[in-house]
Protein backbone atom coordinates (compact mmCIF):
# COMPACT_ATOMS: atom_id res chain seq x y z
CA MET A 1 -12.39 5.76 18.55
CA GLN A 2 -10.04 8.72 20.01
CA VAL A 3 -7.34 10.51 18.77
CA ARG A 4 -4.69 11.62 20.77
CA ARG A 5 -2.27 14.61 19.77
CA ARG A 6 0.23 16.51 22.21
CA ILE A 7 -0.12 19.93 20.70
CA LYS A 8 3.45 21.07 18.71
CA LEU A 9 4.60 17.73 18.85
CA TYR A 10 7.09 17.04 15.60
CA ILE A 11 7.88 13.12 15.32
CA SER A 12 10.78 11.60 14.10
CA PRO A 13 9.87 8.90 12.09
CA LEU A 14 12.72 7.29 14.57
CA LEU A 15 10.08 6.89 16.99
CA LEU A 16 8.76 4.10 15.07
CA LEU A 17 11.77 2.46 17.46
CA PHE A 18 9.19 2.82 19.99
CA LEU A 19 6.36 1.64 19.16
CA PHE A 20 7.04 -1.92 20.72
CA VAL A 21 6.90 -0.47 24.51
CA PRO A 22 3.48 -1.50 26.54
CA PRO A 23 1.47 1.59 26.34
CA MET A 24 0.70 3.52 29.53
CA ILE A 25 -2.78 3.77 30.03
CA LEU A 26 -3.98 7.65 30.50
CA SER A 27 -6.88 8.86 31.94
CA GLN A 28 -8.66 12.20 31.05
CA GLN A 29 -7.42 14.13 33.69
CA ASP A 30 -3.65 12.51 32.77
CA LEU A 31 -4.41 13.70 29.38
CA GLU A 32 -5.16 17.30 30.28
CA ASP A 33 -2.13 17.66 32.51
CA GLU A 34 -0.07 16.33 30.14
CA ASN A 35 -1.46 19.13 26.99
CA PHE A 36 -2.72 16.41 25.06
CA ALA A 37 -5.41 17.69 22.48
CA VAL A 38 -8.16 14.75 22.05
CA PHE A 39 -10.89 13.96 19.43
CA GLU A 40 -13.21 11.05 19.88
CA ASP A 41 -16.29 10.04 18.72
CA PRO A 42 -18.06 7.60 20.33
CA MET A 43 -20.62 6.62 17.65
CA THR A 44 -17.71 5.57 15.50
CA GLU A 45 -16.74 2.18 15.34
CA LYS A 46 -13.40 2.62 14.16
CA PHE A 47 -11.00 4.96 12.30
CA ASN A 48 -9.75 3.49 9.46
CA HIS A 49 -7.43 5.84 8.31
CA LEU A 50 -5.69 9.10 9.04
CA THR A 51 -3.47 11.82 7.26
CA VAL A 52 -2.05 15.15 8.02
CA HIS A 53 -1.76 18.12 5.96
CA ASP A 54 1.71 19.16 5.59
CA TYR A 55 1.24 22.85 5.50
CA THR A 56 -2.07 23.56 7.09
CA GLU A 57 -1.82 20.40 9.72
CA LYS A 58 -5.50 19.92 9.15
CA VAL A 59 -6.24 16.62 10.54
CA TYR A 60 -8.01 13.99 7.61
CA ILE A 61 -9.52 10.90 9.21
CA GLY A 62 -11.23 7.91 7.25
CA ALA A 63 -13.49 5.92 9.17
CA VAL A 64 -16.61 3.82 9.19
CA ASN A 65 -19.54 5.89 7.32
CA ARG A 66 -17.55 8.85 8.56
CA ILE A 67 -14.82 10.99 7.33
CA TYR A 68 -13.61 13.51 9.94
CA GLN A 69 -11.49 16.87 9.53
CA LEU A 70 -10.09 18.03 12.18
CA SER A 71 -8.10 21.40 13.45
CA ARG A 72 -4.69 20.85 14.06
CA ASP A 73 -5.37 20.54 17.64
CA LEU A 74 -8.06 18.01 17.03
CA LYS A 75 -11.29 20.31 17.27
CA LEU A 76 -14.09 19.14 15.04
CA GLU A 77 -14.70 21.15 11.77
CA ALA A 78 -16.31 19.04 9.86
CA ILE A 79 -17.96 15.60 9.06
CA ALA A 80 -19.01 13.85 5.99
CA VAL A 81 -21.43 11.43 5.92
CA MET A 82 -20.58 8.49 3.93
CA GLY A 83 -23.34 5.65 4.93
CA PRO A 84 -24.62 3.38 5.47
CA GLN A 85 -26.09 3.63 1.82
CA GLU A 86 -28.15 0.94 -0.16
CA ASP A 87 -25.89 -1.34 -2.01
CA SER A 88 -25.19 -4.89 -2.99
CA PRO A 89 -21.82 -6.80 -4.16
CA LYS A 90 -23.76 -7.91 -6.89
CA CYS A 91 -24.63 -4.64 -8.52
CA PRO A 92 -22.24 -3.09 -10.71
CA VAL A 93 -20.04 0.12 -10.23
CA THR A 94 -22.61 1.89 -12.00
CA ARG A 95 -25.17 0.96 -9.13
CA ILE A 96 -27.60 0.18 -12.02
CA CYS A 97 -29.31 -3.28 -10.91
CA PRO A 98 -32.76 -2.96 -10.41
CA ASN A 99 -33.69 -6.65 -10.28
CA GLU A 100 -30.78 -6.78 -6.93
CA ALA A 101 -32.23 -6.74 -3.41
CA LYS A 102 -30.27 -3.77 -1.61
CA ARG A 103 -29.92 -3.26 1.80
CA PRO A 104 -28.31 -0.55 4.06
CA THR A 105 -24.06 -1.50 4.00
CA GLU A 106 -21.46 0.23 5.86
CA TYR A 107 -18.43 2.14 4.35
CA HIS A 108 -15.63 1.16 5.48
CA ASN A 109 -13.48 3.53 4.04
CA LYS A 110 -9.94 2.49 2.33
CA ALA A 111 -7.63 5.08 1.56
CA LEU A 112 -7.00 8.98 2.17
CA VAL A 113 -4.95 10.76 0.10
CA ILE A 114 -3.95 14.45 0.18
CA ASP A 115 -3.50 15.80 -3.46
CA TYR A 116 -1.43 18.53 -3.33
CA PRO A 117 -0.82 19.65 -6.69
CA GLN A 118 -4.69 19.96 -6.80
CA SER A 119 -5.04 20.91 -3.39
CA ARG A 120 -8.30 18.51 -2.40
CA LEU A 121 -8.20 14.81 -0.40
CA ILE A 122 -9.17 11.74 -2.06
CA ALA A 123 -10.94 9.03 0.18
CA CYS A 124 -12.16 5.80 -1.57
CA GLY A 125 -14.24 3.44 0.54
CA SER A 126 -15.82 -0.13 0.34
CA LEU A 127 -19.42 0.97 -1.29
CA PHE A 128 -20.30 0.42 -4.78
CA GLN A 129 -17.42 -1.60 -5.46
CA GLY A 130 -14.57 0.61 -4.30
CA ILE A 131 -15.41 3.91 -6.09
CA CYS A 132 -13.59 7.37 -4.57
CA THR A 133 -14.76 10.79 -3.68
CA VAL A 134 -12.60 13.95 -4.36
CA HIS A 135 -13.13 16.56 -1.07
CA ASN A 136 -12.32 20.13 -0.57
CA LEU A 137 -9.58 20.01 2.00
CA ASN A 138 -11.40 23.43 3.74
CA ASP A 139 -14.72 21.37 3.74
CA VAL A 140 -14.50 17.82 3.63
CA THR A 141 -18.73 17.94 3.18
CA ASN A 142 -18.19 19.59 0.00
CA PHE A 143 -17.54 16.40 -1.76
CA VAL A 144 -17.84 14.86 -5.68
CA THR A 145 -18.07 11.23 -7.07
CA PRO A 146 -15.95 12.48 -10.73
CA ALA A 147 -16.30 8.48 -11.90
CA ASN A 148 -17.88 4.97 -11.62
CA GLU A 149 -14.26 3.12 -11.27
CA SER A 150 -13.45 0.09 -9.30
CA VAL A 151 -10.26 1.20 -7.25
CA VAL A 152 -10.46 -0.32 -3.91
CA ALA A 153 -11.63 -3.21 -1.91
CA ASN A 154 -15.61 -3.63 -1.44
CA ASN A 155 -15.46 -5.58 2.19
CA SER A 156 -14.02 -3.90 5.03
CA THR A 157 -11.30 -6.64 5.86
CA ALA A 158 -9.59 -7.28 1.89
CA SER A 159 -6.18 -5.02 2.21
CA THR A 160 -5.90 -1.36 0.06
CA VAL A 161 -3.11 0.32 -0.37
CA ALA A 162 -3.01 4.19 -2.59
CA PHE A 163 -0.54 6.63 -2.81
CA ILE A 164 0.27 9.75 -5.06
CA ALA A 165 3.49 9.67 -7.13
CA GLN A 166 4.72 10.53 -10.73
CA GLY A 167 3.49 8.73 -13.19
CA PRO A 168 4.58 8.37 -17.37
CA LYS A 169 5.82 11.61 -18.50
CA SER A 170 3.29 10.83 -21.64
CA LEU A 171 0.37 11.43 -19.45
CA PRO A 172 -1.78 14.80 -19.70
CA ARG A 173 -1.05 14.97 -15.78
CA MET A 174 2.20 14.25 -14.15
CA HIS A 175 0.67 12.64 -10.71
CA VAL A 176 -0.94 9.43 -11.08
CA LEU A 177 -2.87 7.62 -8.27
CA TYR A 178 -0.84 4.08 -7.33
CA VAL A 179 -2.92 1.56 -5.58
CA GLY A 180 -2.67 -2.10 -4.55
CA VAL A 181 -5.57 -4.09 -3.50
CA SER A 182 -6.30 -7.66 -2.40
CA TYR A 183 -8.92 -9.79 -4.10
CA THR A 184 -12.00 -10.30 -2.64
CA GLY A 185 -14.36 -12.35 -4.74
CA ASN A 186 -17.15 -10.30 -3.09
CA GLY A 187 -19.49 -10.38 -5.98
CA PRO A 188 -18.92 -10.78 -9.51
CA TYR A 189 -17.48 -8.05 -10.81
CA ARG A 190 -14.19 -8.17 -8.81
CA SER A 191 -11.76 -10.10 -11.21
CA ASP A 192 -12.23 -6.78 -13.10
CA VAL A 193 -10.14 -5.10 -10.80
CA PRO A 194 -6.21 -5.00 -10.89
CA ALA A 195 -3.98 -6.03 -8.20
CA VAL A 196 -1.70 -3.28 -9.07
CA SER A 197 -2.74 -0.06 -10.82
CA SER A 198 -1.84 3.36 -12.04
CA ARG A 199 -4.72 5.45 -12.12
CA SER A 200 -5.52 8.58 -13.99
CA LEU A 201 -6.11 12.00 -11.94
CA ASP A 202 -6.85 13.90 -15.23
CA PRO A 203 -10.51 15.52 -14.53
CA ASN A 204 -11.63 14.01 -18.06
CA ASN A 205 -10.03 10.30 -17.08
CA MET A 206 -10.46 10.34 -13.11
CA PHE A 207 -9.77 7.27 -11.83
CA ALA A 208 -9.40 4.98 -14.66
CA ILE A 209 -6.36 2.93 -15.64
CA ALA A 210 -3.82 5.99 -16.40
CA HIS A 211 -2.59 4.23 -19.88
CA THR A 212 -4.17 1.32 -21.79
CA GLY A 213 -3.06 -0.28 -24.36
CA VAL A 214 -4.36 -3.28 -26.81
CA THR A 215 -2.80 -6.05 -24.24
CA THR A 216 -1.09 -4.00 -21.69
CA GLY A 217 -1.56 -0.77 -19.71
CA THR A 218 -0.62 0.29 -16.19
CA LYS A 219 -1.99 -2.70 -14.41
CA VAL A 220 -1.25 -5.91 -13.16
CA MET A 221 -3.99 -9.08 -12.94
CA VAL A 222 -3.53 -11.67 -11.07
CA ASN A 223 -4.59 -14.59 -13.37
CA SER A 224 -8.05 -16.75 -13.18
CA MET A 225 -6.53 -19.82 -11.66
CA SER A 226 -4.47 -17.76 -8.99
CA ARG A 227 -7.25 -15.08 -7.73
CA GLU A 228 -8.99 -17.69 -5.00
CA ILE A 229 -5.78 -19.29 -3.64
CA TYR A 230 -2.96 -17.09 -3.83
CA PRO A 231 -4.00 -14.12 -1.24
CA ILE A 232 -1.74 -10.50 -1.16
CA THR A 233 -1.84 -8.53 1.26
CA TYR A 234 -0.91 -5.32 0.79
CA VAL A 235 0.57 -3.06 3.85
CA TYR A 236 2.36 -0.16 2.86
CA GLY A 237 3.41 2.00 -1.09
CA PHE A 238 5.68 4.75 -1.00
CA SER A 239 7.70 5.93 -4.47
CA SER A 240 11.97 6.72 -4.73
CA LYS A 241 13.93 7.74 -7.91
CA GLY A 242 11.67 7.01 -10.06
CA PHE A 243 10.39 3.80 -9.05
CA SER A 244 7.09 3.31 -7.05
CA TYR A 245 7.14 0.62 -4.56
CA PHE A 246 4.23 -1.99 -2.26
CA VAL A 247 5.55 -4.08 0.78
CA THR A 248 2.83 -7.02 0.87
CA VAL A 249 2.83 -10.55 2.19
CA GLN A 250 1.93 -13.71 -0.29
CA LYS A 251 2.63 -17.54 -0.45
CA LYS A 252 6.03 -18.15 -1.03
CA PHE A 253 5.06 -20.60 -3.50
CA THR A 254 1.35 -21.14 -5.40
CA ASP A 255 1.56 -24.37 -5.09
CA PRO A 256 2.15 -26.12 -1.82
CA PRO A 257 3.85 -25.98 0.70
CA LYS A 258 2.45 -22.26 1.00
CA PRO A 259 4.35 -20.72 3.85
CA PHE A 260 3.66 -16.65 3.56
CA ILE A 261 6.30 -14.02 3.27
CA SER A 262 7.19 -10.71 2.44
CA LYS A 263 7.66 -9.14 -0.80
CA LEU A 264 8.43 -5.76 -2.28
CA ILE A 265 6.87 -4.82 -5.80
CA ARG A 266 8.78 -2.38 -7.63
CA ILE A 267 6.60 -0.66 -10.64
CA CYS A 268 8.90 1.82 -13.21
CA HIS A 269 7.41 5.66 -13.08
CA GLU A 270 7.89 5.99 -16.95
CA ASP A 271 6.38 2.34 -17.74
CA VAL A 272 3.43 2.52 -19.84
CA HIS A 273 3.18 -0.92 -19.88
CA TYR A 274 4.13 -2.30 -16.42
CA TYR A 275 6.96 -4.78 -17.89
CA SER A 276 8.93 -3.18 -15.60
CA TYR A 277 6.78 -4.81 -12.81
CA THR A 278 9.35 -6.97 -10.52
CA GLU A 279 9.03 -8.80 -6.86
CA VAL A 280 11.75 -9.44 -4.81
CA PRO A 281 11.35 -10.96 -0.66
CA LEU A 282 11.66 -9.19 1.65
CA VAL A 283 13.56 -10.60 4.59
CA CYS A 284 13.97 -9.69 8.69
CA ARG A 285 15.78 -11.73 10.42
CA ALA A 286 17.34 -11.68 14.07
CA PRO A 287 20.53 -12.55 15.24
CA ASP A 288 19.42 -15.80 16.45
CA GLY A 289 18.23 -16.59 12.68
CA THR A 290 14.83 -16.37 13.79
CA ASP A 291 13.07 -15.07 10.45
CA TYR A 292 10.29 -12.45 11.34
CA ASN A 293 8.35 -12.79 7.64
CA LEU A 294 4.91 -11.10 8.17
CA ALA A 295 5.44 -7.50 7.33
CA GLN A 296 2.60 -5.22 9.65
CA ALA A 297 3.74 -1.52 8.81
CA ALA A 298 6.12 0.06 7.46
CA TYR A 299 7.25 4.00 6.86
CA VAL A 300 9.71 5.80 4.71
CA GLY A 301 11.78 8.24 6.21
CA ARG A 302 15.27 9.32 7.17
CA PRO A 303 18.22 7.38 9.21
CA GLY A 304 19.43 9.82 11.49
CA SER A 305 23.63 10.02 11.69
CA GLU A 306 24.17 7.07 13.78
CA LEU A 307 21.77 4.58 12.28
CA ALA A 308 23.55 6.10 8.70
CA VAL A 309 26.89 5.20 9.77
CA SER A 310 25.55 1.67 10.49
CA LEU A 311 24.34 1.38 7.23
CA GLY A 312 26.87 2.68 5.70
CA ILE A 313 24.98 5.76 3.87
CA ALA A 314 24.70 9.50 4.49
CA ALA A 315 22.11 11.14 6.98
CA GLN A 316 19.94 12.54 4.11
CA ASP A 317 19.12 9.34 2.31
CA ASP A 318 16.15 7.30 2.28
CA VAL A 319 15.70 4.16 4.36
CA LEU A 320 12.61 1.88 4.83
CA PHE A 321 11.66 1.09 8.22
CA ALA A 322 9.42 -2.44 8.37
CA VAL A 323 7.88 -3.99 11.40
CA PHE A 324 7.61 -7.52 10.99
CA ALA A 325 5.53 -10.23 12.69
CA LYS A 326 6.90 -13.91 13.41
CA SER A 327 4.12 -16.42 11.70
CA LYS A 328 1.76 -17.76 14.36
CA ASP A 329 2.71 -21.53 12.80
CA GLU A 330 5.64 -22.62 11.31
CA SER A 331 3.51 -23.88 8.43
CA ASP A 332 1.71 -20.61 8.06
CA ILE A 333 -1.01 -21.65 5.90
CA TYR A 334 -3.42 -18.60 6.99
CA ASN A 335 -0.73 -15.73 7.49
CA LYS A 336 -1.50 -15.22 10.97
CA PRO A 337 1.31 -13.29 13.14
CA SER A 338 2.19 -14.58 16.60
CA PRO A 339 2.93 -11.72 19.15
CA ASN A 340 6.83 -11.94 18.48
CA SER A 341 7.44 -9.20 16.29
CA ALA A 342 10.39 -6.99 15.07
CA LEU A 343 11.86 -3.70 13.48
CA CYS A 344 14.01 -3.95 10.49
CA VAL A 345 15.98 -1.31 8.41
CA TYR A 346 16.72 -1.31 4.80
CA ALA A 347 18.51 1.18 3.17
CA LEU A 348 16.11 2.15 -0.04
CA SER A 349 20.20 2.14 -2.10
CA ALA A 350 20.50 -1.03 -0.99
CA VAL A 351 16.70 -2.37 -2.46
CA HIS A 352 17.95 -0.60 -5.58
CA ARG A 353 20.93 -2.08 -6.34
CA LYS A 354 18.97 -5.86 -5.27
CA PHE A 355 15.94 -5.09 -7.78
CA THR A 356 18.85 -4.53 -10.46
CA GLN A 357 21.21 -7.57 -9.27
CA ASN A 358 17.77 -9.45 -10.10
CA ILE A 359 17.13 -8.41 -13.36
CA GLN A 360 20.82 -8.48 -14.20
CA HIS A 361 21.02 -12.15 -12.78
CA CYS A 362 17.88 -13.52 -14.98
CA PHE A 363 19.34 -11.40 -18.53
CA ASN A 364 21.95 -13.43 -17.51
CA GLY A 365 20.43 -16.81 -18.36
CA PHE A 366 20.49 -18.03 -14.49
CA GLY A 367 16.69 -18.64 -12.56
CA ASP A 368 13.39 -18.39 -13.96
CA ARG A 369 11.04 -15.36 -14.18
CA GLY A 370 9.00 -16.61 -11.58
CA LEU A 371 5.55 -14.53 -10.50
CA ASP A 372 3.00 -17.59 -12.48
CA PHE A 373 -0.16 -16.27 -10.55
CA ILE A 374 0.04 -13.37 -13.11
CA ASN A 375 1.75 -15.36 -16.21
CA PRO A 376 3.06 -18.41 -16.69
CA SER A 377 6.92 -18.86 -15.54
CA GLN A 378 9.32 -19.17 -18.02
CA ASN A 379 13.34 -19.91 -17.54
CA CYS A 380 15.44 -16.84 -17.51
CA MET A 381 17.24 -16.48 -21.15
CA VAL A 382 20.77 -14.68 -21.79
CA THR A 383 19.51 -11.37 -23.11
CA ALA A 384 21.04 -8.17 -23.63
CA TYR A 385 20.97 -6.09 -20.66
CA LEU A 386 19.71 -2.69 -21.36
CA PRO A 387 19.89 0.00 -18.13
CA SER A 388 16.19 1.70 -18.85
CA PRO A 389 13.54 -0.87 -18.56
CA LEU A 390 12.23 1.70 -21.65
CA LYS A 391 14.86 1.19 -24.27
CA GLY A 392 14.00 -1.94 -25.60
CA HIS A 393 11.30 -4.58 -26.97
CA GLY A 394 8.54 -4.87 -24.59
CA GLU A 395 9.11 -8.88 -24.23
CA ILE A 396 12.55 -8.15 -23.10
CA PHE A 397 11.31 -6.24 -20.29
CA ASN A 398 9.24 -8.77 -19.69
CA LEU A 399 11.94 -10.76 -18.10
CA ALA A 400 12.46 -7.78 -15.29
CA LYS A 401 9.03 -9.70 -13.93
CA MET A 402 10.60 -12.37 -11.83
CA MET A 403 11.11 -13.04 -8.16
CA ALA A 404 13.58 -15.64 -7.54
CA GLY A 405 17.39 -14.42 -6.79
CA HIS A 406 18.70 -12.19 -4.18
CA SER A 407 16.32 -10.52 -1.75
CA PRO A 408 16.74 -7.22 0.15
CA LYS A 409 17.66 -8.43 3.44
CA ASN A 410 18.39 -6.86 7.06
CA TYR A 411 18.76 -7.99 10.56
CA SER A 412 16.21 -6.48 13.08
CA VAL A 413 17.46 -3.57 15.20
CA LEU A 414 14.82 -4.33 17.93
CA THR A 415 12.46 -7.28 18.92
CA LEU A 416 10.06 -8.38 21.09
CA PRO A 417 9.35 -11.54 22.28
CA ASP A 418 5.59 -12.88 22.75
């Protein structure tokens, strides 16, 4: 695999607009002539994740069986070898399974996050039921496995999204690790792994569910009836103004017909029970009416002056850039994208309003709570609306768990036919 970087090139978020331009094939001589820095390792099958330190500009790459540390000009500084290792999906996260046959198993990096408050790199991989390691930012070969906790997907293909953001103020640490994980069914222990959770970054409780109660906690589980038939793909995660969000692709219904659509998940940072967990469809529609229903990638950034004016926001406001594909098949029972793609842009202020409208709509007694793949859906009831999801009884704010109603939508700003 190869990484290319033009030295001293600062990339604007609007560069996403040019992802649709057919790529040029550059030779090694072209790269040298254009002053590109190049890193490649022919021994590595795939680079999974890449993150760049905001201050040192060191580059970290999570790959198959390796984690790389590079300088800002892509000079190799260190390699942490993470696999293959003896493992079996039938072994618990503790790895104590003397009666199970193990075999050499590759490590697939599923999450790579810089923890700036604690100056460390968190890497999570597919081995040992999806555990995480903590690496020194100056030497990734210096790492520990602080806890036996199943955090991410335990195979090469299932999605995982992880990012660090604020958590409830009642916790020992202000920041937590938000994680969205597809159900893999790979072994007998995957039903214990939440679909979405907040994980502790406290050294005394590392990677455990940040808060647990008798029946609640900072997690959401897909129920046992739906895990196998309702796949959720996590595409991107971010935080904004007191909430954390996940961009996902899911089925529109748990029952047939089963077309796939994109949805946006939101959780309030202060919510230790996840009562505020809410989903709304995320719609990207071309001017000709074509729906690009499958989110493929996303990024939160600033819009620039012209785009800000067109969205009716300030240039300092955050927007969500999302790349979508159209389903390969109209029935779309397999979540297969076609070559047709589009870029849609959403003002996060408008997204926040849509979530609020949905919750108010349900509090006014319209629609149903939906999300029957988590809990049985119920009709919405007329309820006194409280602005904060933490200022009322838990059952009231379970009403926020709804997916019907208003959807953040936007016309595509750029489309690419097949």
